[in-house]
Structure formats: structure tokens, C-alpha cells
Amino acid sequence: MARTKSTAKRHSIVSYTLLLLVVLADLLQSSSSALHSEASKDRWSLDSRRRGLSGLRGNPKRQQIIPNCGEMGSRSQCSQDPKCRWCKSEALDDMCFSKAEAWRLPQQVFVCD
């Protein structure tokens, strides 16, 4: 009788251990696939940015039409372009953003002109 209780206890411990290993393996696999998915998104966005920039290099008129507000380092430069907004922050550096970007910034952090 004592032997069967001991054997049952061992089987129970082995079962729980195997279950724990299966759950951990599943968690690792799902986190790995999430990381892979995020890396492919980053790669895609980088490729699209490269394509956009290569299109700008060949056409100087297009460079003037599409400003990169983030490259403007002063409030006066930023305010000269109607598509850009100068945003101030107490926590971060003041920066120039496009209208669309400025609209999405958290109001608790940035105040835009």
C-alpha cells in the first residue's frame, strides 16, 4: 500500500513537471514569434523609408515639397513651414514635428504652436 502511494506521488510530480515544461516551451515559442514579427515590421518600415528617401534624391523639387520637420533645429525654421509645428516640453527637448505628428503627441508632455 505504501508502495503504491509512493509511486502515485512520483507520477504526480513527473506529470506536473512535464506540464510545467510544456507551458514554458509554449511561452518561449510565442514570445519568440512575437519578437520575430516585431523585427519584420521594423525591417519593413526601414525598407519603406529607404524607398521614400531614394525617391527624394532624384527629384530636387520633391525635396522642397515634402519637408522633414524633424530636421529643423530652431523654432524660426519650423514656423516658416506651414506643414510643421514647434512643440515645447518640460520633460524632453523642444522639437519641430509635422502637423500630423504634432496632433498625435501626448498633451501632458508637449505643447505645440
N, C-alpha and C. Protein backbone atom coordinates (compact mmCIF):
# COMPACT_ATOMS: atom_id res chain seq x y z
N MET A 1 0.82 -1.18 0.00
CA MET A 1 0.00 0.00 0.00
C MET A 1 0.87 1.25 0.00
N ALA A 2 1.90 1.25 0.84
CA ALA A 2 2.80 2.40 0.91
C ALA A 2 3.53 2.58 -0.41
N ARG A 3 3.78 1.44 -1.04
CA ARG A 3 4.50 1.50 -2.30
C ARG A 3 3.64 2.16 -3.39
N THR A 4 2.37 1.90 -3.44
CA THR A 4 1.51 2.50 -4.46
C THR A 4 1.33 3.98 -4.22
N LYS A 5 1.27 4.41 -2.95
CA LYS A 5 1.17 5.85 -2.67
C LYS A 5 2.44 6.55 -3.13
N SER A 6 3.57 5.91 -2.86
CA SER A 6 4.85 6.49 -3.27
C SER A 6 4.94 6.58 -4.79
N THR A 7 4.51 5.53 -5.47
CA THR A 7 4.54 5.52 -6.93
C THR A 7 3.57 6.56 -7.49
N ALA A 8 2.40 6.67 -6.92
CA ALA A 8 1.42 7.66 -7.37
C ALA A 8 1.95 9.07 -7.17
N LYS A 9 2.63 9.27 -6.05
CA LYS A 9 3.20 10.60 -5.76
C LYS A 9 4.27 10.95 -6.80
N ARG A 10 5.10 9.97 -7.15
CA ARG A 10 6.15 10.20 -8.16
C ARG A 10 5.53 10.53 -9.51
N HIS A 11 4.49 9.76 -9.88
CA HIS A 11 3.82 10.02 -11.16
C HIS A 11 3.21 11.42 -11.18
N SER A 12 2.67 11.81 -10.05
CA SER A 12 2.07 13.14 -9.96
C SER A 12 3.14 14.22 -10.11
N ILE A 13 4.28 14.06 -9.47
CA ILE A 13 5.37 15.03 -9.58
C ILE A 13 5.89 15.09 -11.01
N VAL A 14 6.06 13.92 -11.62
CA VAL A 14 6.54 13.86 -13.00
C VAL A 14 5.52 14.53 -13.93
N SER A 15 4.25 14.28 -13.70
CA SER A 15 3.20 14.89 -14.54
C SER A 15 3.22 16.41 -14.44
N TYR A 16 3.30 16.92 -13.22
CA TYR A 16 3.35 18.38 -13.03
C TYR A 16 4.61 18.99 -13.64
N THR A 17 5.72 18.28 -13.52
CA THR A 17 6.97 18.78 -14.10
C THR A 17 6.85 18.84 -15.62
N LEU A 18 6.31 17.78 -16.23
CA LEU A 18 6.13 17.78 -17.68
C LEU A 18 5.17 18.87 -18.12
N LEU A 19 4.09 19.05 -17.38
CA LEU A 19 3.14 20.10 -17.69
C LEU A 19 3.80 21.48 -17.63
N LEU A 20 4.60 21.69 -16.60
CA LEU A 20 5.31 22.95 -16.46
C LEU A 20 6.27 23.18 -17.63
N LEU A 21 6.98 22.14 -18.04
CA LEU A 21 7.89 22.27 -19.18
C LEU A 21 7.14 22.60 -20.47
N VAL A 22 5.99 21.98 -20.67
CA VAL A 22 5.20 22.25 -21.87
C VAL A 22 4.72 23.70 -21.87
N VAL A 23 4.25 24.18 -20.72
CA VAL A 23 3.78 25.56 -20.63
C VAL A 23 4.93 26.53 -20.88
N LEU A 24 6.09 26.28 -20.29
CA LEU A 24 7.25 27.15 -20.51
C LEU A 24 7.68 27.15 -21.98
N ALA A 25 7.69 25.97 -22.60
CA ALA A 25 8.07 25.89 -24.01
C ALA A 25 7.10 26.68 -24.87
N ASP A 26 5.81 26.59 -24.55
CA ASP A 26 4.80 27.34 -25.30
C ASP A 26 5.01 28.85 -25.13
N LEU A 27 5.29 29.29 -23.91
CA LEU A 27 5.55 30.71 -23.67
C LEU A 27 6.77 31.20 -24.43
N LEU A 28 7.83 30.41 -24.42
CA LEU A 28 9.04 30.80 -25.14
C LEU A 28 8.78 30.88 -26.64
N GLN A 29 8.03 29.93 -27.16
CA GLN A 29 7.73 29.94 -28.59
C GLN A 29 6.89 31.15 -28.97
N SER A 30 5.88 31.47 -28.17
CA SER A 30 5.03 32.61 -28.51
C SER A 30 5.79 33.92 -28.38
N SER A 31 6.66 34.05 -27.38
CA SER A 31 7.43 35.29 -27.26
C SER A 31 8.45 35.40 -28.39
N SER A 32 9.00 34.27 -28.80
CA SER A 32 9.96 34.28 -29.91
C SER A 32 9.27 34.69 -31.21
N SER A 33 8.07 34.17 -31.45
CA SER A 33 7.37 34.55 -32.68
C SER A 33 6.94 36.01 -32.64
N ALA A 34 6.62 36.52 -31.45
CA ALA A 34 6.26 37.94 -31.33
C ALA A 34 7.47 38.81 -31.64
N LEU A 35 8.65 38.41 -31.14
CA LEU A 35 9.87 39.17 -31.43
C LEU A 35 10.19 39.13 -32.91
N HIS A 36 10.01 37.96 -33.53
CA HIS A 36 10.27 37.84 -34.96
C HIS A 36 9.32 38.72 -35.75
N SER A 37 8.07 38.74 -35.35
CA SER A 37 7.07 39.57 -36.02
C SER A 37 7.42 41.04 -35.89
N GLU A 38 7.84 41.48 -34.70
CA GLU A 38 8.21 42.87 -34.47
C GLU A 38 9.44 43.24 -35.29
N ALA A 39 10.41 42.32 -35.38
CA ALA A 39 11.61 42.59 -36.17
C ALA A 39 11.27 42.74 -37.64
N SER A 40 10.34 41.92 -38.15
CA SER A 40 9.98 42.04 -39.56
C SER A 40 9.23 43.34 -39.82
N LYS A 41 8.42 43.81 -38.85
CA LYS A 41 7.76 45.10 -39.00
C LYS A 41 8.79 46.22 -39.07
N ASP A 42 9.80 46.16 -38.18
CA ASP A 42 10.85 47.18 -38.19
C ASP A 42 11.59 47.17 -39.52
N ARG A 43 11.88 45.97 -40.03
CA ARG A 43 12.59 45.85 -41.28
C ARG A 43 11.75 46.43 -42.41
N TRP A 44 10.43 46.16 -42.40
CA TRP A 44 9.55 46.68 -43.43
C TRP A 44 9.51 48.19 -43.40
N SER A 45 9.39 48.77 -42.21
CA SER A 45 9.31 50.23 -42.14
C SER A 45 10.63 50.87 -42.57
N LEU A 46 11.75 50.22 -42.26
CA LEU A 46 13.05 50.73 -42.68
C LEU A 46 13.15 50.69 -44.20
N ASP A 47 12.69 49.58 -44.82
CA ASP A 47 12.73 49.48 -46.27
C ASP A 47 11.87 50.55 -46.92
N SER A 48 10.68 50.80 -46.37
CA SER A 48 9.81 51.82 -46.96
C SER A 48 10.41 53.20 -46.80
N ARG A 49 11.10 53.45 -45.68
CA ARG A 49 11.76 54.75 -45.51
C ARG A 49 12.88 54.90 -46.53
N ARG A 50 13.62 53.82 -46.78
CA ARG A 50 14.70 53.89 -47.77
C ARG A 50 14.13 54.19 -49.15
N ARG A 51 13.03 53.51 -49.49
CA ARG A 51 12.42 53.77 -50.80
C ARG A 51 11.97 55.22 -50.91
N GLY A 52 11.39 55.73 -49.85
CA GLY A 52 10.94 57.12 -49.86
C GLY A 52 12.10 58.08 -50.01
N LEU A 53 13.18 57.81 -49.31
CA LEU A 53 14.34 58.70 -49.40
C LEU A 53 15.02 58.60 -50.75
N SER A 54 15.06 57.40 -51.33
CA SER A 54 15.70 57.29 -52.64
C SER A 54 14.90 58.03 -53.69
N GLY A 55 13.57 58.07 -53.55
CA GLY A 55 12.75 58.84 -54.47
C GLY A 55 13.01 60.32 -54.34
N LEU A 56 13.32 60.78 -53.15
CA LEU A 56 13.58 62.20 -52.93
C LEU A 56 14.91 62.63 -53.53
N ARG A 57 15.89 61.73 -53.52
CA ARG A 57 17.22 62.10 -54.01
C ARG A 57 17.18 62.48 -55.49
N GLY A 58 16.37 61.77 -56.28
CA GLY A 58 16.36 62.01 -57.72
C GLY A 58 15.57 63.23 -58.14
N ASN A 59 14.75 63.79 -57.27
CA ASN A 59 13.88 64.89 -57.66
C ASN A 59 14.02 66.05 -56.68
N PRO A 60 14.83 67.07 -57.01
CA PRO A 60 15.05 68.17 -56.08
C PRO A 60 13.78 68.97 -55.78
N LYS A 61 12.84 69.06 -56.74
CA LYS A 61 11.59 69.77 -56.47
C LYS A 61 10.79 69.06 -55.37
N ARG A 62 10.82 67.76 -55.40
CA ARG A 62 10.08 66.98 -54.41
C ARG A 62 10.65 67.20 -53.01
N GLN A 63 11.95 67.41 -52.90
CA GLN A 63 12.56 67.68 -51.60
C GLN A 63 12.00 68.96 -51.01
N GLN A 64 11.73 69.93 -51.85
CA GLN A 64 11.19 71.19 -51.36
C GLN A 64 9.72 71.04 -50.97
N ILE A 65 9.00 70.17 -51.64
CA ILE A 65 7.58 69.99 -51.38
C ILE A 65 7.35 69.25 -50.06
N ILE A 66 8.12 68.19 -49.82
CA ILE A 66 7.92 67.38 -48.62
C ILE A 66 9.00 67.73 -47.60
N PRO A 67 8.68 68.55 -46.61
CA PRO A 67 9.69 68.92 -45.62
C PRO A 67 9.87 67.82 -44.59
N ASN A 68 11.06 67.74 -44.04
CA ASN A 68 11.28 66.85 -42.91
C ASN A 68 11.34 67.75 -41.69
N CYS A 69 10.20 67.92 -41.06
CA CYS A 69 10.09 68.85 -39.93
C CYS A 69 11.05 68.48 -38.80
N GLY A 70 11.30 67.18 -38.63
CA GLY A 70 12.18 66.73 -37.54
C GLY A 70 13.62 67.20 -37.68
N GLU A 71 14.02 67.58 -38.89
CA GLU A 71 15.39 68.05 -39.09
C GLU A 71 15.56 69.53 -38.81
N MET A 72 14.46 70.23 -38.63
CA MET A 72 14.54 71.67 -38.36
C MET A 72 14.88 71.86 -36.89
N GLY A 73 15.99 72.53 -36.64
CA GLY A 73 16.51 72.63 -35.28
C GLY A 73 16.09 73.86 -34.50
N SER A 74 15.44 74.80 -35.16
CA SER A 74 15.06 76.02 -34.44
C SER A 74 13.58 76.32 -34.65
N ARG A 75 13.04 77.08 -33.72
CA ARG A 75 11.63 77.46 -33.79
C ARG A 75 11.36 78.32 -35.03
N SER A 76 12.30 79.20 -35.37
CA SER A 76 12.08 80.08 -36.53
C SER A 76 12.03 79.28 -37.83
N GLN A 77 12.92 78.29 -37.99
CA GLN A 77 12.88 77.44 -39.18
C GLN A 77 11.54 76.71 -39.26
N CYS A 78 11.14 76.15 -38.13
CA CYS A 78 9.91 75.35 -38.08
C CYS A 78 8.68 76.20 -38.40
N SER A 79 8.64 77.40 -37.87
CA SER A 79 7.46 78.25 -38.07
C SER A 79 7.35 78.78 -39.49
N GLN A 80 8.44 78.72 -40.26
CA GLN A 80 8.40 79.19 -41.65
C GLN A 80 7.63 78.23 -42.55
N ASP A 81 7.52 76.98 -42.13
CA ASP A 81 6.81 75.99 -42.95
C ASP A 81 5.43 75.74 -42.37
N PRO A 82 4.37 75.99 -43.12
CA PRO A 82 3.01 75.81 -42.59
C PRO A 82 2.64 74.36 -42.30
N LYS A 83 3.44 73.41 -42.81
CA LYS A 83 3.16 71.99 -42.56
C LYS A 83 3.81 71.49 -41.28
N CYS A 84 4.56 72.36 -40.60
CA CYS A 84 5.29 71.96 -39.40
C CYS A 84 4.78 72.71 -38.17
N ARG A 85 4.96 72.09 -37.01
CA ARG A 85 4.58 72.71 -35.73
C ARG A 85 5.74 72.58 -34.75
N TRP A 86 6.04 73.67 -34.02
CA TRP A 86 7.07 73.67 -32.99
C TRP A 86 6.41 73.24 -31.68
N CYS A 87 6.95 72.20 -31.05
CA CYS A 87 6.35 71.66 -29.83
C CYS A 87 7.35 71.78 -28.68
N LYS A 88 6.86 72.32 -27.57
CA LYS A 88 7.70 72.53 -26.38
C LYS A 88 7.36 71.47 -25.34
N SER A 89 8.39 71.13 -24.54
CA SER A 89 8.19 70.15 -23.48
C SER A 89 9.11 70.47 -22.32
N GLU A 90 8.61 70.26 -21.12
CA GLU A 90 9.45 70.44 -19.94
C GLU A 90 10.30 69.19 -19.70
N ALA A 91 9.80 68.04 -20.13
CA ALA A 91 10.49 66.77 -19.87
C ALA A 91 11.49 66.42 -20.97
N LEU A 92 11.21 66.81 -22.22
CA LEU A 92 12.06 66.45 -23.35
C LEU A 92 12.49 67.71 -24.09
N ASP A 93 13.37 67.53 -25.07
CA ASP A 93 13.82 68.66 -25.88
C ASP A 93 12.66 69.19 -26.73
N ASP A 94 12.62 70.51 -26.92
CA ASP A 94 11.65 71.11 -27.83
C ASP A 94 12.01 70.67 -29.24
N MET A 95 10.99 70.36 -30.05
CA MET A 95 11.24 69.84 -31.39
C MET A 95 10.20 70.32 -32.37
N CYS A 96 10.56 70.20 -33.64
CA CYS A 96 9.65 70.50 -34.74
C CYS A 96 9.05 69.19 -35.24
N PHE A 97 7.72 69.16 -35.41
CA PHE A 97 7.02 67.98 -35.89
C PHE A 97 6.11 68.38 -37.04
N SER A 98 5.77 67.40 -37.88
CA SER A 98 4.75 67.67 -38.90
C SER A 98 3.42 67.87 -38.18
N LYS A 99 2.46 68.46 -38.88
CA LYS A 99 1.14 68.70 -38.27
C LYS A 99 0.54 67.40 -37.74
N ALA A 100 0.62 66.35 -38.56
CA ALA A 100 0.03 65.06 -38.17
C ALA A 100 0.72 64.49 -36.93
N GLU A 101 2.05 64.57 -36.89
CA GLU A 101 2.77 64.07 -35.72
C GLU A 101 2.46 64.90 -34.49
N ALA A 102 2.42 66.21 -34.64
CA ALA A 102 2.16 67.09 -33.50
C ALA A 102 0.78 66.82 -32.92
N TRP A 103 -0.17 66.53 -33.77
CA TRP A 103 -1.53 66.25 -33.32
C TRP A 103 -1.60 64.99 -32.46
N ARG A 104 -0.70 64.00 -32.76
CA ARG A 104 -0.72 62.73 -32.02
C ARG A 104 0.13 62.74 -30.76
N LEU A 105 0.89 63.78 -30.53
CA LEU A 105 1.75 63.84 -29.33
C LEU A 105 0.90 63.95 -28.07
N PRO A 106 1.37 63.35 -26.96
CA PRO A 106 0.60 63.45 -25.71
C PRO A 106 0.60 64.89 -25.18
N GLN A 107 -0.58 65.39 -24.90
CA GLN A 107 -0.72 66.78 -24.45
C GLN A 107 -0.14 66.99 -23.05
N GLN A 108 0.04 65.91 -22.30
CA GLN A 108 0.64 66.03 -20.98
C GLN A 108 2.13 66.31 -21.07
N VAL A 109 2.73 65.99 -22.22
CA VAL A 109 4.18 66.14 -22.39
C VAL A 109 4.53 67.31 -23.30
N PHE A 110 3.78 67.49 -24.38
CA PHE A 110 4.11 68.51 -25.37
C PHE A 110 3.00 69.55 -25.50
N VAL A 111 3.42 70.79 -25.73
CA VAL A 111 2.51 71.88 -26.08
C VAL A 111 3.00 72.41 -27.43
N CYS A 112 2.13 72.32 -28.44
CA CYS A 112 2.54 72.71 -29.79
C CYS A 112 1.88 74.01 -30.21
N ASP A 113 2.66 74.82 -30.99
CA ASP A 113 2.14 76.10 -31.50
C ASP A 113 1.11 75.85 -32.57
